[in-house]
Amino acid sequence: MTDVGGVAAERLRSFIERIERLEEEKKVLADDIKEVFAEAKGEGFDTKIMRQVIRLRKMDKASYQEMETLLDVYKHALGMVDGGVIDEEIDAA
């Protein structure tokens, strides 16, 4: 293995090339995901909501419950529940 300035050149090259291959795979996967979202949107699904559902499904149960509790507390504090802002906006529509 060739050392250049104390750096194992071949080992470094190996890491860089592996990362480059993984980056390319990541790009291909991102393009595939984009296509699936476009297909879902074409069938009338709301992709913003789908993305939110995917984020929620990734959470463990305790984190999800904590987030739901805090969200409820914040909505109550802002008057967004039980005749609050959200209810008034729905009634206006």
PDB file of N, CA and C in Angstrom:
ATOM      1  N   MET A   1       0.848  -1.170   0.000  1.00  0.00           N
ATOM      2  CA  MET A   1       0.000   0.000   0.000  1.00  0.00           C
ATOM      3  C   MET A   1       0.897   1.238   0.000  1.00  0.00           C
ATOM      4  N   THR A   2       0.605   2.156  -0.892  1.00  0.00           N
ATOM      5  CA  THR A   2       1.410   3.362  -1.021  1.00  0.00           C
ATOM      6  C   THR A   2       0.976   4.404  -0.007  1.00  0.00           C
ATOM      7  N   ASP A   3       1.934   4.906   0.734  1.00  0.00           N
ATOM      8  CA  ASP A   3       1.661   5.987   1.678  1.00  0.00           C
ATOM      9  C   ASP A   3       2.093   7.303   1.052  1.00  0.00           C
ATOM     10  N   VAL A   4       1.186   8.243   1.030  1.00  0.00           N
ATOM     11  CA  VAL A   4       1.499   9.584   0.520  1.00  0.00           C
ATOM     12  C   VAL A   4       1.207  10.546   1.653  1.00  0.00           C
ATOM     13  N   GLY A   5       2.245  11.123   2.188  1.00  0.00           N
ATOM     14  CA  GLY A   5       2.070  12.046   3.305  1.00  0.00           C
ATOM     15  C   GLY A   5       1.408  11.379   4.497  1.00  0.00           C
ATOM     16  N   GLY A   6       1.680  10.097   4.700  1.00  0.00           N
ATOM     17  CA  GLY A   6       1.112   9.375   5.829  1.00  0.00           C
ATOM     18  C   GLY A   6      -0.279   8.827   5.560  1.00  0.00           C
ATOM     19  N   VAL A   7      -0.764   8.952   4.303  1.00  0.00           N
ATOM     20  CA  VAL A   7      -2.101   8.474   3.951  1.00  0.00           C
ATOM     21  C   VAL A   7      -1.971   7.240   3.071  1.00  0.00           C
ATOM     22  N   ALA A   8      -2.674   6.179   3.413  1.00  0.00           N
ATOM     23  CA  ALA A   8      -2.675   4.956   2.621  1.00  0.00           C
ATOM     24  C   ALA A   8      -3.547   5.201   1.391  1.00  0.00           C
ATOM     25  N   ALA A   9      -2.908   5.507   0.268  1.00  0.00           N
ATOM     26  CA  ALA A   9      -3.598   5.952  -0.939  1.00  0.00           C
ATOM     27  C   ALA A   9      -4.615   4.932  -1.458  1.00  0.00           C
ATOM     28  N   GLU A  10      -4.256   3.690  -1.523  1.00  0.00           N
ATOM     29  CA  GLU A  10      -5.181   2.678  -2.062  1.00  0.00           C
ATOM     30  C   GLU A  10      -6.397   2.491  -1.153  1.00  0.00           C
ATOM     31  N   ARG A  11      -6.180   2.526   0.133  1.00  0.00           N
ATOM     32  CA  ARG A  11      -7.300   2.384   1.084  1.00  0.00           C
ATOM     33  C   ARG A  11      -8.244   3.587   0.964  1.00  0.00           C
ATOM     34  N   LEU A  12      -7.672   4.779   0.853  1.00  0.00           N
ATOM     35  CA  LEU A  12      -8.465   5.985   0.675  1.00  0.00           C
ATOM     36  C   LEU A  12      -9.268   5.916  -0.620  1.00  0.00           C
ATOM     37  N   ARG A  13      -8.602   5.498  -1.714  1.00  0.00           N
ATOM     38  CA  ARG A  13      -9.273   5.375  -2.994  1.00  0.00           C
ATOM     39  C   ARG A  13     -10.445   4.392  -2.896  1.00  0.00           C
ATOM     40  N   SER A  14     -10.242   3.303  -2.178  1.00  0.00           N
ATOM     41  CA  SER A  14     -11.294   2.299  -1.992  1.00  0.00           C
ATOM     42  C   SER A  14     -12.513   2.901  -1.293  1.00  0.00           C
ATOM     43  N   PHE A  15     -12.269   3.659  -0.226  1.00  0.00           N
ATOM     44  CA  PHE A  15     -13.385   4.309   0.473  1.00  0.00           C
ATOM     45  C   PHE A  15     -14.126   5.281  -0.445  1.00  0.00           C
ATOM     46  N   ILE A  16     -13.369   6.103  -1.156  1.00  0.00           N
ATOM     47  CA  ILE A  16     -13.968   7.105  -2.047  1.00  0.00           C
ATOM     48  C   ILE A  16     -14.806   6.419  -3.117  1.00  0.00           C
ATOM     49  N   GLU A  17     -14.289   5.392  -3.729  1.00  0.00           N
ATOM     50  CA  GLU A  17     -15.026   4.698  -4.792  1.00  0.00           C
ATOM     51  C   GLU A  17     -16.279   4.024  -4.257  1.00  0.00           C
ATOM     52  N   ARG A  18     -16.203   3.446  -3.065  1.00  0.00           N
ATOM     53  CA  ARG A  18     -17.398   2.841  -2.462  1.00  0.00           C
ATOM     54  C   ARG A  18     -18.465   3.891  -2.208  1.00  0.00           C
ATOM     55  N   ILE A  19     -18.052   5.034  -1.676  1.00  0.00           N
ATOM     56  CA  ILE A  19     -19.000   6.115  -1.403  1.00  0.00           C
ATOM     57  C   ILE A  19     -19.616   6.607  -2.710  1.00  0.00           C
ATOM     58  N   GLU A  20     -18.809   6.749  -3.750  1.00  0.00           N
ATOM     59  CA  GLU A  20     -19.338   7.190  -5.047  1.00  0.00           C
ATOM     60  C   GLU A  20     -20.372   6.207  -5.588  1.00  0.00           C
ATOM     61  N   ARG A  21     -20.113   4.910  -5.479  1.00  0.00           N
ATOM     62  CA  ARG A  21     -21.086   3.901  -5.941  1.00  0.00           C
ATOM     63  C   ARG A  21     -22.378   3.983  -5.135  1.00  0.00           C
ATOM     64  N   LEU A  22     -22.239   4.144  -3.820  1.00  0.00           N
ATOM     65  CA  LEU A  22     -23.428   4.252  -2.967  1.00  0.00           C
ATOM     66  C   LEU A  22     -24.220   5.523  -3.276  1.00  0.00           C
ATOM     67  N   GLU A  23     -23.525   6.622  -3.548  1.00  0.00           N
ATOM     68  CA  GLU A  23     -24.206   7.867  -3.922  1.00  0.00           C
ATOM     69  C   GLU A  23     -25.004   7.676  -5.205  1.00  0.00           C
ATOM     70  N   GLU A  24     -24.448   6.965  -6.166  1.00  0.00           N
ATOM     71  CA  GLU A  24     -25.160   6.697  -7.420  1.00  0.00           C
ATOM     72  C   GLU A  24     -26.390   5.820  -7.160  1.00  0.00           C
ATOM     73  N   GLU A  25     -26.236   4.801  -6.317  1.00  0.00           N
ATOM     74  CA  GLU A  25     -27.385   3.960  -5.966  1.00  0.00           C
ATOM     75  C   GLU A  25     -28.462   4.776  -5.265  1.00  0.00           C
ATOM     76  N   LYS A  26     -28.031   5.687  -4.402  1.00  0.00           N
ATOM     77  CA  LYS A  26     -28.976   6.541  -3.688  1.00  0.00           C
ATOM     78  C   LYS A  26     -29.749   7.418  -4.678  1.00  0.00           C
ATOM     79  N   LYS A  27     -29.067   7.938  -5.695  1.00  0.00           N
ATOM     80  CA  LYS A  27     -29.725   8.767  -6.705  1.00  0.00           C
ATOM     81  C   LYS A  27     -30.759   7.954  -7.479  1.00  0.00           C
ATOM     82  N   VAL A  28     -30.407   6.730  -7.851  1.00  0.00           N
ATOM     83  CA  VAL A  28     -31.341   5.864  -8.575  1.00  0.00           C
ATOM     84  C   VAL A  28     -32.564   5.575  -7.710  1.00  0.00           C
ATOM     85  N   LEU A  29     -32.353   5.277  -6.446  1.00  0.00           N
ATOM     86  CA  LEU A  29     -33.471   5.013  -5.533  1.00  0.00           C
ATOM     87  C   LEU A  29     -34.342   6.251  -5.349  1.00  0.00           C
ATOM     88  N   ALA A  30     -33.718   7.421  -5.225  1.00  0.00           N
ATOM     89  CA  ALA A  30     -34.484   8.662  -5.073  1.00  0.00           C
ATOM     90  C   ALA A  30     -35.343   8.908  -6.311  1.00  0.00           C
ATOM     91  N   ASP A  31     -34.791   8.619  -7.493  1.00  0.00           N
ATOM     92  CA  ASP A  31     -35.565   8.764  -8.729  1.00  0.00           C
ATOM     93  C   ASP A  31     -36.741   7.787  -8.752  1.00  0.00           C
ATOM     94  N   ASP A  32     -36.517   6.563  -8.283  1.00  0.00           N
ATOM     95  CA  ASP A  32     -37.591   5.567  -8.224  1.00  0.00           C
ATOM     96  C   ASP A  32     -38.705   6.016  -7.277  1.00  0.00           C
ATOM     97  N   ILE A  33     -38.320   6.546  -6.134  1.00  0.00           N
ATOM     98  CA  ILE A  33     -39.303   7.030  -5.158  1.00  0.00           C
ATOM     99  C   ILE A  33     -40.097   8.183  -5.745  1.00  0.00           C
ATOM    100  N   LYS A  34     -39.417   9.073  -6.443  1.00  0.00           N
ATOM    101  CA  LYS A  34     -40.078  10.207  -7.090  1.00  0.00           C
ATOM    102  C   LYS A  34     -41.128   9.708  -8.091  1.00  0.00           C
ATOM    103  N   GLU A  35     -40.796   8.678  -8.842  1.00  0.00           N
ATOM    104  CA  GLU A  35     -41.735   8.105  -9.811  1.00  0.00           C
ATOM    105  C   GLU A  35     -42.971   7.519  -9.116  1.00  0.00           C
ATOM    106  N   VAL A  36     -42.754   6.861  -7.985  1.00  0.00           N
ATOM    107  CA  VAL A  36     -43.881   6.272  -7.249  1.00  0.00           C
ATOM    108  C   VAL A  36     -44.801   7.377  -6.731  1.00  0.00           C
ATOM    109  N   PHE A  37     -44.219   8.447  -6.209  1.00  0.00           N
ATOM    110  CA  PHE A  37     -45.035   9.571  -5.748  1.00  0.00           C
ATOM    111  C   PHE A  37     -45.808  10.198  -6.912  1.00  0.00           C
ATOM    112  N   ALA A  38     -45.172  10.323  -8.071  1.00  0.00           N
ATOM    113  CA  ALA A  38     -45.849  10.887  -9.242  1.00  0.00           C
ATOM    114  C   ALA A  38     -47.017   9.990  -9.665  1.00  0.00           C
ATOM    115  N   GLU A  39     -46.809   8.695  -9.607  1.00  0.00           N
ATOM    116  CA  GLU A  39     -47.876   7.744  -9.948  1.00  0.00           C
ATOM    117  C   GLU A  39     -49.033   7.870  -8.958  1.00  0.00           C
ATOM    118  N   ALA A  40     -48.719   7.961  -7.676  1.00  0.00           N
ATOM    119  CA  ALA A  40     -49.755   8.104  -6.652  1.00  0.00           C
ATOM    120  C   ALA A  40     -50.520   9.414  -6.844  1.00  0.00           C
ATOM    121  N   LYS A  41     -49.793  10.486  -7.134  1.00  0.00           N
ATOM    122  CA  LYS A  41     -50.423  11.784  -7.365  1.00  0.00           C
ATOM    123  C   LYS A  41     -51.353  11.711  -8.570  1.00  0.00           C
ATOM    124  N   GLY A  42     -50.934  11.003  -9.606  1.00  0.00           N
ATOM    125  CA  GLY A  42     -51.741  10.824 -10.800  1.00  0.00           C
ATOM    126  C   GLY A  42     -53.043  10.086 -10.529  1.00  0.00           C
ATOM    127  N   GLU A  43     -53.049   9.304  -9.477  1.00  0.00           N
ATOM    128  CA  GLU A  43     -54.254   8.566  -9.096  1.00  0.00           C
ATOM    129  C   GLU A  43     -55.055   9.302  -8.024  1.00  0.00           C
ATOM    130  N   GLY A  44     -54.652  10.537  -7.730  1.00  0.00           N
ATOM    131  CA  GLY A  44     -55.435  11.378  -6.837  1.00  0.00           C
ATOM    132  C   GLY A  44     -55.021  11.396  -5.379  1.00  0.00           C
ATOM    133  N   PHE A  45     -53.917  10.756  -5.036  1.00  0.00           N
ATOM    134  CA  PHE A  45     -53.466  10.767  -3.654  1.00  0.00           C
ATOM    135  C   PHE A  45     -52.701  12.048  -3.360  1.00  0.00           C
ATOM    136  N   ASP A  46     -52.794  12.538  -2.130  1.00  0.00           N
ATOM    137  CA  ASP A  46     -52.082  13.733  -1.693  1.00  0.00           C
ATOM    138  C   ASP A  46     -50.683  13.307  -1.241  1.00  0.00           C
ATOM    139  N   THR A  47     -49.675  13.675  -2.017  1.00  0.00           N
ATOM    140  CA  THR A  47     -48.322  13.200  -1.727  1.00  0.00           C
ATOM    141  C   THR A  47     -47.718  13.827  -0.477  1.00  0.00           C
ATOM    142  N   LYS A  48     -48.143  15.040  -0.127  1.00  0.00           N
ATOM    143  CA  LYS A  48     -47.647  15.640   1.133  1.00  0.00           C
ATOM    144  C   LYS A  48     -48.114  14.807   2.319  1.00  0.00           C
ATOM    145  N   ILE A  49     -49.364  14.382   2.275  1.00  0.00           N
ATOM    146  CA  ILE A  49     -49.891  13.555   3.363  1.00  0.00           C
ATOM    147  C   ILE A  49     -49.213  12.192   3.358  1.00  0.00           C
ATOM    148  N   MET A  50     -48.978  11.642   2.183  1.00  0.00           N
ATOM    149  CA  MET A  50     -48.279  10.352   2.100  1.00  0.00           C
ATOM    150  C   MET A  50     -46.894  10.443   2.740  1.00  0.00           C
ATOM    151  N   ARG A  51     -46.176  11.540   2.460  1.00  0.00           N
ATOM    152  CA  ARG A  51     -44.847  11.711   3.048  1.00  0.00           C
ATOM    153  C   ARG A  51     -44.924  11.796   4.574  1.00  0.00           C
ATOM    154  N   GLN A  52     -45.954  12.487   5.064  1.00  0.00           N
ATOM    155  CA  GLN A  52     -46.141  12.592   6.511  1.00  0.00           C
ATOM    156  C   GLN A  52     -46.429  11.223   7.118  1.00  0.00           C
ATOM    157  N   VAL A  53     -47.269  10.436   6.463  1.00  0.00           N
ATOM    158  CA  VAL A  53     -47.589   9.092   6.954  1.00  0.00           C
ATOM    159  C   VAL A  53     -46.322   8.242   6.998  1.00  0.00           C
ATOM    160  N   ILE A  54     -45.489   8.355   5.973  1.00  0.00           N
ATOM    161  CA  ILE A  54     -44.232   7.590   5.948  1.00  0.00           C
ATOM    162  C   ILE A  54     -43.342   7.996   7.119  1.00  0.00           C
ATOM    163  N   ARG A  55     -43.245   9.322   7.388  1.00  0.00           N
ATOM    164  CA  ARG A  55     -42.456   9.778   8.542  1.00  0.00           C
ATOM    165  C   ARG A  55     -43.009   9.199   9.841  1.00  0.00           C
ATOM    166  N   LEU A  56     -44.335   9.205   9.980  1.00  0.00           N
ATOM    167  CA  LEU A  56     -44.948   8.689  11.209  1.00  0.00           C
ATOM    168  C   LEU A  56     -44.702   7.195  11.367  1.00  0.00           C
ATOM    169  N   ARG A  57     -44.776   6.453  10.266  1.00  0.00           N
ATOM    170  CA  ARG A  57     -44.565   4.996  10.338  1.00  0.00           C
ATOM    171  C   ARG A  57     -43.137   4.635  10.716  1.00  0.00           C
ATOM    172  N   LYS A  58     -42.191   5.542  10.479  1.00  0.00           N
ATOM    173  CA  LYS A  58     -40.795   5.287  10.842  1.00  0.00           C
ATOM    174  C   LYS A  58     -40.554   5.464  12.334  1.00  0.00           C
ATOM    175  N   MET A  59     -41.449   6.187  13.001  1.00  0.00           N
ATOM    176  CA  MET A  59     -41.254   6.496  14.418  1.00  0.00           C
ATOM    177  C   MET A  59     -41.583   5.287  15.285  1.00  0.00           C
ATOM    178  N   ASP A  60     -40.868   5.165  16.388  1.00  0.00           N
ATOM    179  CA  ASP A  60     -41.241   4.125  17.345  1.00  0.00           C
ATOM    180  C   ASP A  60     -42.491   4.598  18.098  1.00  0.00           C
ATOM    181  N   LYS A  61     -43.167   3.661  18.713  1.00  0.00           N
ATOM    182  CA  LYS A  61     -44.461   3.948  19.336  1.00  0.00           C
ATOM    183  C   LYS A  61     -44.367   5.044  20.406  1.00  0.00           C
ATOM    184  N   ALA A  62     -43.347   4.999  21.227  1.00  0.00           N
ATOM    185  CA  ALA A  62     -43.206   5.988  22.307  1.00  0.00           C
ATOM    186  C   ALA A  62     -42.994   7.390  21.738  1.00  0.00           C
ATOM    187  N   SER A  63     -42.147   7.508  20.729  1.00  0.00           N
ATOM    188  CA  SER A  63     -41.906   8.820  20.114  1.00  0.00           C
ATOM    189  C   SER A  63     -43.167   9.350  19.454  1.00  0.00           C
ATOM    190  N   TYR A  64     -43.894   8.457  18.791  1.00  0.00           N
ATOM    191  CA  TYR A  64     -45.139   8.858  18.132  1.00  0.00           C
ATOM    192  C   TYR A  64     -46.148   9.366  19.159  1.00  0.00           C
ATOM    193  N   GLN A  65     -46.302   8.631  20.255  1.00  0.00           N
ATOM    194  CA  GLN A  65     -47.257   9.035  21.286  1.00  0.00           C
ATOM    195  C   GLN A  65     -46.855  10.365  21.920  1.00  0.00           C
ATOM    196  N   GLU A  66     -45.563  10.559  22.149  1.00  0.00           N
ATOM    197  CA  GLU A  66     -45.081  11.822  22.724  1.00  0.00           C
ATOM    198  C   GLU A  66     -45.376  12.980  21.768  1.00  0.00           C
ATOM    199  N   MET A  67     -45.118  12.773  20.479  1.00  0.00           N
ATOM    200  CA  MET A  67     -45.375  13.811  19.495  1.00  0.00           C
ATOM    201  C   MET A  67     -46.864  14.146  19.431  1.00  0.00           C
ATOM    202  N   GLU A  68     -47.719  13.130  19.430  1.00  0.00           N
ATOM    203  CA  GLU A  68     -49.165  13.344  19.386  1.00  0.00           C
ATOM    204  C   GLU A  68     -49.638  14.119  20.617  1.00  0.00           C
ATOM    205  N   THR A  69     -49.100  13.778  21.782  1.00  0.00           N
ATOM    206  CA  THR A  69     -49.479  14.464  23.019  1.00  0.00           C
ATOM    207  C   THR A  69     -49.076  15.930  22.964  1.00  0.00           C
ATOM    208  N   LEU A  70     -47.826  16.190  22.560  1.00  0.00           N
ATOM    209  CA  LEU A  70     -47.359  17.576  22.478  1.00  0.00           C
ATOM    210  C   LEU A  70     -48.132  18.361  21.418  1.00  0.00           C
ATOM    211  N   LEU A  71     -48.420  17.738  20.295  1.00  0.00           N
ATOM    212  CA  LEU A  71     -49.199  18.401  19.256  1.00  0.00           C
ATOM    213  C   LEU A  71     -50.575  18.785  19.786  1.00  0.00           C
ATOM    214  N   ASP A  72     -51.200  17.883  20.526  1.00  0.00           N
ATOM    215  CA  ASP A  72     -52.512  18.160  21.110  1.00  0.00           C
ATOM    216  C   ASP A  72     -52.434  19.307  22.111  1.00  0.00           C
ATOM    217  N   VAL A  73     -51.412  19.305  22.957  1.00  0.00           N
ATOM    218  CA  VAL A  73     -51.227  20.372  23.940  1.00  0.00           C
ATOM    219  C   VAL A  73     -51.049  21.717  23.227  1.00  0.00           C
ATOM    220  N   TYR A  74     -50.214  21.755  22.202  1.00  0.00           N
ATOM    221  CA  TYR A  74     -49.967  22.991  21.469  1.00  0.00           C
ATOM    222  C   TYR A  74     -51.227  23.479  20.774  1.00  0.00           C
ATOM    223  N   LYS A  75     -51.982  22.571  20.164  1.00  0.00           N
ATOM    224  CA  LYS A  75     -53.213  22.968  19.476  1.00  0.00           C
ATOM    225  C   LYS A  75     -54.216  23.541  20.469  1.00  0.00           C
ATOM    226  N   HIS A  76     -54.323  22.921  21.631  1.00  0.00           N
ATOM    227  CA  HIS A  76     -55.220  23.457  22.663  1.00  0.00           C
ATOM    228  C   HIS A  76     -54.753  24.829  23.128  1.00  0.00           C
ATOM    229  N   ALA A  77     -53.441  24.985  23.327  1.00  0.00           N
ATOM    230  CA  ALA A  77     -52.892  26.253  23.793  1.00  0.00           C
ATOM    231  C   ALA A  77     -53.148  27.376  22.788  1.00  0.00           C
ATOM    232  N   LEU A  78     -53.194  27.040  21.509  1.00  0.00           N
ATOM    233  CA  LEU A  78     -53.418  28.038  20.463  1.00  0.00           C
ATOM    234  C   LEU A  78     -54.891  28.181  20.089  1.00  0.00           C
ATOM    235  N   GLY A  79     -55.755  27.465  20.792  1.00  0.00           N
ATOM    236  CA  GLY A  79     -57.182  27.556  20.514  1.00  0.00           C
ATOM    237  C   GLY A  79     -57.575  26.937  19.194  1.00  0.00           C
ATOM    238  N   MET A  80     -56.853  25.934  18.778  1.00  0.00           N
ATOM    239  CA  MET A  80     -57.120  25.310  17.484  1.00  0.00           C
ATOM    240  C   MET A  80     -58.056  24.108  17.583  1.00  0.00           C
ATOM    241  N   VAL A  81     -58.552  23.817  18.776  1.00  0.00           N
ATOM    242  CA  VAL A  81     -59.417  22.668  18.986  1.00  0.00           C
ATOM    243  C   VAL A  81     -60.666  23.149  19.719  1.00  0.00           C
ATOM    244  N   ASP A  82     -61.781  22.466  19.500  1.00  0.00           N
ATOM    245  CA  ASP A  82     -63.030  22.799  20.190  1.00  0.00           C
ATOM    246  C   ASP A  82     -63.460  24.248  19.953  1.00  0.00           C
ATOM    247  N   GLY A  83     -63.773  24.560  18.696  1.00  0.00           N
ATOM    248  CA  GLY A  83     -64.248  25.890  18.380  1.00  0.00           C
ATOM    249  C   GLY A  83     -63.141  26.893  18.143  1.00  0.00           C
ATOM    250  N   GLY A  84     -61.911  26.405  18.007  1.00  0.00           N
ATOM    251  CA  GLY A  84     -60.784  27.309  17.794  1.00  0.00           C
ATOM    252  C   GLY A  84     -60.596  27.644  16.332  1.00  0.00           C
ATOM    253  N   VAL A  85     -59.377  27.981  15.982  1.00  0.00           N
ATOM    254  CA  VAL A  85     -59.037  28.459  14.641  1.00  0.00           C
ATOM    255  C   VAL A  85     -59.431  27.474  13.567  1.00  0.00           C
ATOM    256  N   ILE A  86     -59.098  26.195  13.717  1.00  0.00           N
ATOM    257  CA  ILE A  86     -59.396  25.208  12.697  1.00  0.00           C
ATOM    258  C   ILE A  86     -60.894  25.075  12.494  1.00  0.00           C
ATOM    259  N   ASP A  87     -61.630  24.978  13.576  1.00  0.00           N
ATOM    260  CA  ASP A  87     -63.076  24.835  13.457  1.00  0.00           C
ATOM    261  C   ASP A  87     -63.697  26.051  12.775  1.00  0.00           C
ATOM    262  N   GLU A  88     -63.214  27.259  13.077  1.00  0.00           N
ATOM    263  CA  GLU A  88     -63.752  28.467  12.465  1.00  0.00           C
ATOM    264  C   GLU A  88     -63.457  28.504  10.977  1.00  0.00           C
ATOM    265  N   GLU A  89     -62.252  28.064  10.574  1.00  0.00           N
ATOM    266  CA  GLU A  89     -61.894  28.035   9.156  1.00  0.00           C
ATOM    267  C   GLU A  89     -62.760  27.044   8.394  1.00  0.00           C
ATOM    268  N   ILE A  90     -63.049  25.897   9.002  1.00  0.00           N
ATOM    269  CA  ILE A  90     -63.905  24.899   8.359  1.00  0.00           C
ATOM    270  C   ILE A  90     -65.319  25.439   8.222  1.00  0.00           C
ATOM    271  N   ASP A  91     -65.822  26.085   9.248  1.00  0.00           N
ATOM    272  CA  ASP A  91     -67.174  26.648   9.192  1.00  0.00           C
ATOM    273  C   ASP A  91     -67.278  27.733   8.123  1.00  0.00           C
ATOM    274  N   ALA A  92     -66.223  28.526   7.948  1.00  0.00           N
ATOM    275  CA  ALA A  92     -66.217  29.614   6.963  1.00  0.00           C
ATOM    276  C   ALA A  92     -66.246  29.081   5.532  1.00  0.00           C
ATOM    277  N   ALA A  93     -65.681  27.897   5.334  1.00  0.00           N
ATOM    278  CA  ALA A  93     -65.628  27.314   3.998  1.00  0.00           C
ATOM    279  C   ALA A  93     -66.977  26.796   3.642  1.00  0.00           C
TER     280      ALA A  93
END
